[in-house]
Structure formats: structure tokens, C-alpha cells
Protein backbone atom coordinates (compact mmCIF):
# COMPACT_ATOMS: atom_id res chain seq x y z
CA MET A 1 23.82 -97.92 -46.79
CA ILE A 2 26.15 -100.80 -46.56
CA CYS A 3 29.64 -100.23 -47.89
CA GLY A 4 33.29 -100.77 -46.92
CA GLY A 5 35.36 -98.45 -44.79
CA ARG A 6 38.54 -98.35 -42.70
CA MET A 7 39.27 -97.60 -39.08
CA VAL A 8 42.63 -96.33 -38.00
CA ALA A 9 43.76 -96.08 -34.39
CA GLU A 10 46.98 -96.36 -32.45
CA GLU A 11 48.93 -96.91 -35.63
CA ARG A 12 46.70 -99.87 -36.53
CA SER A 13 44.36 -100.12 -39.40
CA GLN A 14 41.41 -102.47 -39.91
CA ALA A 15 38.61 -102.83 -42.41
CA CYS A 16 35.03 -102.29 -41.33
CA VAL A 17 31.57 -102.15 -42.89
CA VAL A 18 29.57 -99.00 -42.63
CA LEU A 19 25.93 -99.84 -41.93
CA ASP A 20 24.52 -96.38 -41.41
CA LEU A 21 26.04 -92.92 -41.82
CA SER A 22 24.54 -89.57 -40.66
CA ALA A 23 25.97 -86.05 -40.15
CA THR A 24 26.81 -86.89 -36.58
CA GLY A 25 28.03 -90.42 -36.61
CA ALA A 26 28.21 -93.99 -38.04
CA ARG A 27 26.98 -97.47 -37.22
CA ILE A 28 29.84 -99.78 -37.97
CA HIS A 29 30.12 -103.63 -38.31
CA LEU A 30 33.51 -104.57 -36.78
CA LEU A 31 35.37 -107.40 -38.38
CA HIS A 32 37.50 -107.66 -35.21
CA PRO A 33 35.18 -106.51 -32.43
CA GLU A 34 37.61 -107.41 -29.66
CA ALA A 35 39.97 -104.68 -31.00
CA ALA A 36 37.41 -101.85 -31.26
CA PRO A 37 39.18 -98.68 -30.38
CA SER A 38 37.52 -96.03 -28.11
CA THR A 39 38.64 -93.35 -30.55
CA ALA A 40 39.60 -93.70 -34.21
CA VAL A 41 39.84 -92.01 -37.51
CA LEU A 42 37.21 -93.41 -39.85
CA HIS A 43 37.82 -93.52 -43.59
CA LEU A 44 34.28 -93.57 -45.03
CA PRO A 45 32.78 -93.87 -48.48
CA GLY A 46 33.38 -90.89 -50.83
CA GLY A 47 36.76 -90.11 -49.36
CA VAL A 48 35.31 -88.69 -46.09
CA VAL A 49 37.70 -88.92 -43.10
CA ARG A 50 36.38 -88.13 -39.55
CA LYS A 51 37.68 -88.46 -36.11
CA ALA A 52 35.13 -90.43 -34.08
CA ALA A 53 34.52 -91.73 -30.50
CA ARG A 54 32.80 -95.09 -29.79
CA ARG A 55 29.61 -94.43 -27.85
CA TRP A 56 28.25 -97.98 -27.71
CA GLN A 57 29.10 -101.46 -28.75
CA ARG A 58 27.04 -104.67 -28.94
CA ASP A 59 29.03 -107.71 -30.04
CA ASP A 60 30.37 -106.81 -33.56
CA ILE A 61 28.34 -103.63 -34.11
CA ALA A 62 29.43 -100.25 -32.76
CA GLY A 63 28.22 -96.74 -32.83
CA TYR A 64 30.70 -93.90 -33.37
CA GLU A 65 30.03 -90.26 -32.90
CA PHE A 66 32.00 -87.84 -34.98
CA CYS A 67 34.21 -85.47 -33.00
CA GLU A 68 35.53 -83.20 -35.68
CA PRO A 69 37.09 -83.39 -39.16
CA ALA A 70 40.33 -85.51 -39.08
């Protein structure tokens, strides 16, 4: 799965690319990796909106674990 998404945190919004999506989290390509938030609301394909916490980051790729529905 590769599709567009949006990450919202601290009143800022940035586009991202969803590389993988599961029931528990998502692997995200960050267009601005230096601004990767530790927690965010992810707006995913199909109108799915989830709160998530960053669990890891390598350069411009990050793994976010879903916390609960936003």
C-alpha cells in the first residue's frame, strides 16, 4: 500500500505517504522528517482518523502505533 495521508500535531498539519498500514499502526514516509511529532493524529486513506505515537524513526521513515480512535 502506498497512498497519501496527513499528519496533524500541535496545530500543524503536514502531508505524508502511508507505506504500510495494519490494525495496530502505520509505516509513514515523512516529507519533513525533522518535524516528525512524537504523537499525532493520522488522517489515513478511506477517511480513517487515528491517534498515534511514534515508536521508531530512521531518516524519513517512521513507525507509528495507534493509541485509540481520534
